[in-house]
Protein backbone atom coordinates (compact mmCIF):
# COMPACT_ATOMS: atom_id res chain seq x y z
CA MET A 1 -8.59 15.26 -23.92
CA ASP A 2 -11.46 12.87 -24.64
CA THR A 3 -13.47 12.17 -21.72
CA GLU A 4 -13.46 8.42 -22.31
CA LEU A 5 -9.79 8.32 -22.72
CA ASN A 6 -9.38 10.46 -19.47
CA ARG A 7 -11.67 8.03 -17.59
CA THR A 8 -9.67 5.06 -18.87
CA LEU A 9 -6.54 6.64 -17.86
CA ILE A 10 -7.69 7.46 -14.31
CA SER A 11 -8.93 4.08 -13.84
CA THR A 12 -5.74 2.36 -14.99
CA ARG A 13 -3.45 4.59 -12.90
CA ALA A 14 -5.70 4.06 -9.82
CA SER A 15 -5.29 0.18 -10.33
CA ASP A 16 -1.75 0.53 -10.74
CA ALA A 17 -1.48 2.41 -7.54
CA ARG A 18 -3.53 -0.17 -5.83
CA ALA A 19 -1.45 -2.80 -7.16
CA PHE A 20 1.72 -1.44 -5.95
CA LEU A 21 0.33 -0.83 -2.53
CA LEU A 22 -0.35 -4.36 -2.30
CA PHE A 23 3.20 -5.17 -3.43
CA PHE A 24 4.35 -2.85 -0.54
CA ALA A 25 2.25 -4.62 1.90
CA ILE A 26 3.27 -8.01 0.84
CA VAL A 27 7.01 -7.29 0.83
CA HIS A 28 6.88 -5.54 4.35
CA THR A 29 4.73 -8.35 5.79
CA GLY A 30 7.31 -10.90 4.50
CA MET A 31 9.94 -8.85 6.03
CA LEU A 32 8.13 -8.94 9.40
CA LEU A 33 7.94 -12.71 9.09
CA VAL A 34 11.62 -12.96 8.32
CA LEU A 35 12.42 -10.73 11.30
CA GLY A 36 10.02 -12.69 13.71
CA LEU A 37 10.75 -16.11 12.46
CA GLY A 38 14.16 -15.99 10.99
CA SER A 39 17.16 -17.11 12.75
CA GLY A 40 19.78 -16.51 10.34
CA LEU A 41 19.96 -12.62 10.74
CA GLU A 42 23.05 -12.68 12.92
CA ASP A 43 25.25 -12.76 9.76
CA SER A 44 25.96 -9.26 8.57
CA GLY A 45 25.70 -10.24 4.81
CA VAL A 46 22.04 -11.54 5.45
CA GLN A 47 21.27 -8.34 7.42
CA LEU A 48 22.59 -6.15 4.61
CA GLY A 49 20.45 -8.28 2.05
CA VAL A 50 17.31 -7.91 4.05
CA ALA A 51 18.15 -4.07 4.72
CA ALA A 52 18.63 -3.62 1.01
CA ILE A 53 15.22 -5.23 0.04
CA VAL A 54 13.44 -2.99 2.52
CA VAL A 55 15.02 0.13 1.27
CA ILE A 56 14.90 -0.70 -2.46
CA CYS A 57 11.22 -1.90 -2.40
CA THR A 58 10.12 1.16 -0.34
CA LEU A 59 12.01 3.67 -2.82
CA MET A 60 10.48 1.91 -5.82
CA THR A 61 6.90 1.80 -4.29
CA PHE A 62 7.31 5.63 -3.33
CA VAL A 63 8.49 6.62 -6.94
CA PHE A 64 5.92 4.52 -8.68
CA LEU A 65 3.08 5.96 -6.45
CA ASP A 66 4.31 9.47 -7.02
CA ASP A 67 4.13 8.89 -10.78
CA CYS A 68 0.53 7.45 -10.42
CA PHE A 69 -0.57 10.24 -8.39
CA ARG A 70 0.99 12.82 -10.84
CA ASP A 71 -0.85 11.30 -13.75
CA LEU A 72 -4.13 11.32 -11.75
CA HIS A 73 -3.66 14.86 -10.74
CA ALA A 74 -3.01 15.77 -14.39
CA CYS A 75 -6.16 13.76 -15.39
CA PHE A 76 -8.28 15.37 -12.81
CA PHE A 77 -7.34 18.75 -14.18
CA ASP A 78 -8.10 17.67 -17.65
CA ILE A 79 -11.76 17.14 -16.67
CA PRO A 80 -13.89 20.33 -17.62
CA ALA A 81 -14.93 22.47 -14.85
CA GLU A 82 -18.52 22.26 -15.99
CA SER A 83 -18.35 18.48 -15.57
CA LEU A 84 -17.62 18.90 -11.92
CA GLY A 85 -19.66 20.01 -9.12
CA GLU A 86 -18.83 23.03 -7.10
CA ASN A 87 -17.34 20.86 -4.22
CA MET A 88 -15.18 18.73 -6.38
CA LEU A 89 -14.01 21.92 -8.17
CA ARG A 90 -13.08 23.48 -4.95
CA ARG A 91 -11.17 20.18 -3.85
CA ARG A 92 -9.55 20.18 -7.25
CA GLU A 93 -8.15 23.66 -6.67
CA ALA A 94 -7.00 22.88 -3.00
CA PHE A 95 -5.28 19.60 -3.77
CA SER A 96 -1.46 19.57 -3.61
CA LEU A 97 0.89 16.80 -4.44
CA ILE A 98 3.30 18.06 -1.94
CA GLY A 99 1.11 17.14 0.89
CA PHE A 100 0.82 13.53 -0.54
CA ARG A 101 4.44 13.34 -1.06
CA VAL A 102 5.37 14.32 2.55
CA GLY A 103 2.74 12.15 4.02
CA ALA A 104 3.89 9.27 1.92
CA LEU A 105 7.52 9.66 2.74
CA LEU A 106 6.79 10.08 6.44
CA MET A 107 4.70 6.75 6.62
CA MET A 108 6.98 4.79 4.43
CA GLY A 109 9.96 6.21 6.22
CA LEU A 110 8.71 5.15 9.45
CA VAL A 111 8.17 1.58 8.33
CA VAL A 112 11.65 1.45 6.93
CA VAL A 113 13.28 2.83 9.93
CA ALA A 114 11.38 0.33 12.25
CA GLU A 115 12.39 -2.59 10.14
CA LEU A 116 15.96 -1.40 10.00
CA LEU A 117 16.21 -0.93 13.74
CA ALA A 118 14.66 -4.58 13.91
CA ILE A 119 17.35 -5.97 11.63
CA TYR A 120 20.25 -4.23 13.30
């Protein structure tokens, strides 16, 4: 792959990931405000709607971030070995997407569980 195209793709996908993390933070901050200030959560329909927003936004964020990191991982492996330093080459070989996926699921899952417990 062309080096400039690879850099552009890395930059674009990293920006996409940052934008979606901002979306995740804004949605969950909004949910915390609704939980803290909202007085209409006694209705089961409202509870279900808020819970659905929390779960759907979290799943959407995880899937999108997973796709971004898969693209970044692939682009990282498209960089020629001679262009990387020795330490970066070792990091590239040691990086695993499974660790990222487990960590992201754990962190996002804890946020969702805490919000669902607060809703119900």
